[in-house]
Amino acid sequence: MALEGPGKYRGKKIVTYEKIDFEGIAIIRAHGIQPSARSELVKAGWAILDATCPHIRESQKWAEVAFQSGSEVVLLIFST
């Protein structure tokens, strides 16, 4: 089965998980994915290889705690 997707990267096609109708290994990139996306992958039978940066993961956990406690979470991105 050929993968069809929006783009190619070094010979690999990049697709969103919603468009893949077979099981496999999902490699989570350094910036992570939403918990709902992870749940959908697991529910669909995918094995997860999580390459999320530990610093990113920690920031996401703190943001979730803040959000659940009623705080508004704002993401600031600085470019050098």
N, C-alpha and C. Protein backbone atom coordinates (compact mmCIF):
# COMPACT_ATOMS: atom_id res chain seq x y z
N MET A 1 0.83 -1.17 0.00
CA MET A 1 0.00 0.00 0.00
C MET A 1 0.88 1.24 0.00
N ALA A 2 0.65 2.12 -0.91
CA ALA A 2 1.44 3.36 -0.99
C ALA A 2 0.84 4.41 -0.06
N LEU A 3 1.72 5.16 0.57
CA LEU A 3 1.25 6.26 1.42
C LEU A 3 1.05 7.49 0.55
N GLU A 4 -0.06 8.15 0.75
CA GLU A 4 -0.32 9.39 0.05
C GLU A 4 -0.38 10.50 1.08
N GLY A 5 0.24 11.60 0.79
CA GLY A 5 0.24 12.67 1.78
C GLY A 5 0.56 14.01 1.17
N PRO A 6 0.58 15.01 2.01
CA PRO A 6 0.77 16.38 1.54
C PRO A 6 2.18 16.71 1.11
N GLY A 7 3.17 15.91 1.48
CA GLY A 7 4.53 16.28 1.11
C GLY A 7 5.50 15.14 1.29
N LYS A 8 6.72 15.33 0.83
CA LYS A 8 7.76 14.33 0.96
C LYS A 8 8.94 14.93 1.68
N TYR A 9 9.63 14.10 2.43
CA TYR A 9 10.83 14.55 3.12
C TYR A 9 11.87 13.46 2.98
N ARG A 10 12.92 13.75 2.22
CA ARG A 10 13.99 12.78 1.99
C ARG A 10 13.47 11.40 1.59
N GLY A 11 12.54 11.40 0.67
CA GLY A 11 12.01 10.15 0.17
C GLY A 11 10.88 9.57 0.99
N LYS A 12 10.58 10.15 2.13
CA LYS A 12 9.49 9.67 2.97
C LYS A 12 8.30 10.59 2.77
N LYS A 13 7.14 10.01 2.64
CA LYS A 13 5.93 10.82 2.51
C LYS A 13 5.39 11.11 3.90
N ILE A 14 4.95 12.33 4.10
CA ILE A 14 4.40 12.75 5.38
C ILE A 14 2.89 12.76 5.26
N VAL A 15 2.23 12.07 6.19
CA VAL A 15 0.77 12.00 6.18
C VAL A 15 0.26 12.23 7.59
N THR A 16 -1.01 12.56 7.70
CA THR A 16 -1.64 12.66 9.01
C THR A 16 -2.20 11.29 9.36
N TYR A 17 -2.26 10.99 10.66
CA TYR A 17 -2.66 9.65 11.07
C TYR A 17 -4.08 9.31 10.66
N GLU A 18 -4.93 10.30 10.46
CA GLU A 18 -6.31 10.02 10.07
C GLU A 18 -6.41 9.38 8.69
N LYS A 19 -5.40 9.57 7.86
CA LYS A 19 -5.45 9.08 6.48
C LYS A 19 -4.81 7.71 6.30
N ILE A 20 -4.30 7.11 7.37
CA ILE A 20 -3.64 5.81 7.25
C ILE A 20 -4.58 4.74 7.77
N ASP A 21 -4.83 3.73 6.95
CA ASP A 21 -5.79 2.70 7.35
C ASP A 21 -5.13 1.36 7.64
N PHE A 22 -3.92 1.39 8.18
CA PHE A 22 -3.26 0.16 8.59
C PHE A 22 -2.49 0.42 9.86
N GLU A 23 -2.16 -0.65 10.58
CA GLU A 23 -1.43 -0.51 11.84
C GLU A 23 0.06 -0.42 11.60
N GLY A 24 0.78 0.16 12.54
CA GLY A 24 2.22 0.27 12.40
C GLY A 24 2.82 0.91 13.64
N ILE A 25 3.96 1.53 13.47
CA ILE A 25 4.63 2.22 14.55
C ILE A 25 4.55 3.72 14.25
N ALA A 26 4.02 4.47 15.20
CA ALA A 26 3.93 5.91 15.06
C ALA A 26 5.11 6.53 15.80
N ILE A 27 5.92 7.28 15.10
CA ILE A 27 7.05 7.97 15.70
C ILE A 27 6.62 9.40 15.97
N ILE A 28 6.59 9.76 17.27
CA ILE A 28 6.15 11.09 17.66
C ILE A 28 7.35 12.02 17.60
N ARG A 29 7.23 13.10 16.88
CA ARG A 29 8.32 14.04 16.68
C ARG A 29 8.68 14.78 17.96
N ALA A 30 9.75 15.53 17.93
CA ALA A 30 10.32 16.18 19.10
C ALA A 30 9.36 17.11 19.82
N HIS A 31 8.43 17.73 19.10
CA HIS A 31 7.51 18.68 19.73
C HIS A 31 6.22 18.03 20.20
N GLY A 32 6.15 16.71 20.10
CA GLY A 32 5.00 15.98 20.65
C GLY A 32 3.74 16.12 19.82
N ILE A 33 2.68 15.50 20.33
CA ILE A 33 1.36 15.58 19.70
C ILE A 33 0.32 15.79 20.80
N GLN A 34 -0.88 16.12 20.40
CA GLN A 34 -1.97 16.32 21.36
C GLN A 34 -2.35 14.98 21.99
N PRO A 35 -2.76 14.98 23.24
CA PRO A 35 -3.20 13.75 23.89
C PRO A 35 -4.31 13.04 23.12
N SER A 36 -5.21 13.80 22.51
CA SER A 36 -6.30 13.18 21.76
C SER A 36 -5.77 12.42 20.53
N ALA A 37 -4.73 12.96 19.90
CA ALA A 37 -4.13 12.27 18.76
C ALA A 37 -3.46 10.98 19.20
N ARG A 38 -2.76 11.03 20.33
CA ARG A 38 -2.13 9.82 20.88
C ARG A 38 -3.19 8.75 21.18
N SER A 39 -4.30 9.17 21.79
CA SER A 39 -5.38 8.23 22.10
C SER A 39 -5.94 7.58 20.85
N GLU A 40 -6.12 8.38 19.80
CA GLU A 40 -6.64 7.84 18.54
C GLU A 40 -5.68 6.81 17.94
N LEU A 41 -4.38 7.10 18.00
CA LEU A 41 -3.39 6.16 17.47
C LEU A 41 -3.42 4.85 18.24
N VAL A 42 -3.45 4.94 19.56
CA VAL A 42 -3.49 3.74 20.39
C VAL A 42 -4.76 2.95 20.13
N LYS A 43 -5.88 3.66 20.05
CA LYS A 43 -7.17 3.00 19.79
C LYS A 43 -7.15 2.28 18.44
N ALA A 44 -6.43 2.84 17.47
CA ALA A 44 -6.35 2.24 16.13
C ALA A 44 -5.32 1.11 16.06
N GLY A 45 -4.63 0.83 17.17
CA GLY A 45 -3.71 -0.30 17.20
C GLY A 45 -2.26 0.03 16.90
N TRP A 46 -1.91 1.31 16.90
CA TRP A 46 -0.55 1.72 16.60
C TRP A 46 0.35 1.55 17.82
N ALA A 47 1.58 1.12 17.60
CA ALA A 47 2.62 1.17 18.63
C ALA A 47 3.19 2.58 18.60
N ILE A 48 3.56 3.11 19.77
CA ILE A 48 4.04 4.49 19.86
C ILE A 48 5.53 4.50 20.19
N LEU A 49 6.30 5.21 19.37
CA LEU A 49 7.71 5.49 19.67
C LEU A 49 7.77 7.00 19.90
N ASP A 50 7.86 7.39 21.17
CA ASP A 50 7.75 8.80 21.53
C ASP A 50 9.12 9.46 21.60
N ALA A 51 9.40 10.36 20.66
CA ALA A 51 10.67 11.08 20.62
C ALA A 51 10.50 12.52 21.09
N THR A 52 9.42 12.76 21.86
CA THR A 52 9.18 14.11 22.37
C THR A 52 10.33 14.53 23.29
N CYS A 53 10.84 15.72 23.07
CA CYS A 53 11.90 16.29 23.90
C CYS A 53 11.43 16.33 25.35
N PRO A 54 12.27 15.89 26.30
CA PRO A 54 11.87 15.91 27.71
C PRO A 54 11.50 17.30 28.21
N HIS A 55 12.14 18.34 27.71
CA HIS A 55 11.81 19.70 28.11
C HIS A 55 10.42 20.10 27.60
N ILE A 56 10.12 19.70 26.38
CA ILE A 56 8.81 19.97 25.80
C ILE A 56 7.74 19.22 26.59
N ARG A 57 7.98 17.94 26.87
CA ARG A 57 7.02 17.13 27.61
C ARG A 57 6.72 17.77 28.98
N GLU A 58 7.76 18.22 29.68
CA GLU A 58 7.57 18.86 30.98
C GLU A 58 6.75 20.13 30.84
N SER A 59 7.03 20.94 29.83
CA SER A 59 6.27 22.17 29.59
C SER A 59 4.80 21.85 29.31
N GLN A 60 4.55 20.80 28.54
CA GLN A 60 3.18 20.40 28.23
C GLN A 60 2.44 19.96 29.49
N LYS A 61 3.14 19.26 30.38
CA LYS A 61 2.51 18.83 31.64
C LYS A 61 2.13 20.02 32.50
N TRP A 62 3.05 21.01 32.61
CA TRP A 62 2.77 22.20 33.39
C TRP A 62 1.61 23.00 32.78
N ALA A 63 1.57 23.07 31.47
CA ALA A 63 0.47 23.78 30.80
C ALA A 63 -0.86 23.08 31.08
N GLU A 64 -0.87 21.76 31.07
CA GLU A 64 -2.10 21.01 31.34
C GLU A 64 -2.57 21.24 32.78
N VAL A 65 -1.64 21.22 33.74
CA VAL A 65 -1.98 21.47 35.15
C VAL A 65 -2.57 22.88 35.29
N ALA A 66 -1.94 23.85 34.67
CA ALA A 66 -2.43 25.23 34.75
C ALA A 66 -3.81 25.35 34.13
N PHE A 67 -3.99 24.74 32.98
CA PHE A 67 -5.28 24.80 32.28
C PHE A 67 -6.37 24.14 33.11
N GLN A 68 -6.08 22.97 33.66
CA GLN A 68 -7.07 22.25 34.47
C GLN A 68 -7.44 23.01 35.74
N SER A 69 -6.53 23.85 36.23
CA SER A 69 -6.82 24.64 37.44
C SER A 69 -7.55 25.94 37.10
N GLY A 70 -7.85 26.16 35.82
CA GLY A 70 -8.61 27.33 35.42
C GLY A 70 -7.79 28.48 34.88
N SER A 71 -6.50 28.32 34.82
CA SER A 71 -5.64 29.39 34.29
C SER A 71 -5.69 29.39 32.76
N GLU A 72 -5.45 30.55 32.20
CA GLU A 72 -5.33 30.65 30.75
C GLU A 72 -3.87 30.39 30.39
N VAL A 73 -3.64 29.56 29.39
CA VAL A 73 -2.29 29.21 28.99
C VAL A 73 -1.96 29.94 27.69
N VAL A 74 -0.85 30.64 27.68
CA VAL A 74 -0.40 31.38 26.50
C VAL A 74 0.97 30.86 26.10
N LEU A 75 1.12 30.53 24.85
CA LEU A 75 2.39 30.03 24.32
C LEU A 75 3.13 31.18 23.65
N LEU A 76 4.32 31.46 24.12
CA LEU A 76 5.14 32.51 23.53
C LEU A 76 6.30 31.85 22.77
N ILE A 77 6.48 32.27 21.55
CA ILE A 77 7.55 31.72 20.72
C ILE A 77 8.49 32.86 20.37
N PHE A 78 9.77 32.66 20.72
CA PHE A 78 10.77 33.67 20.43
C PHE A 78 11.67 33.18 19.30
N SER A 79 11.97 34.04 18.40
CA SER A 79 12.85 33.70 17.29
C SER A 79 14.12 34.54 17.40
N THR A 80 15.25 33.91 17.15
CA THR A 80 16.51 34.66 17.24
C THR A 80 17.01 35.05 15.88
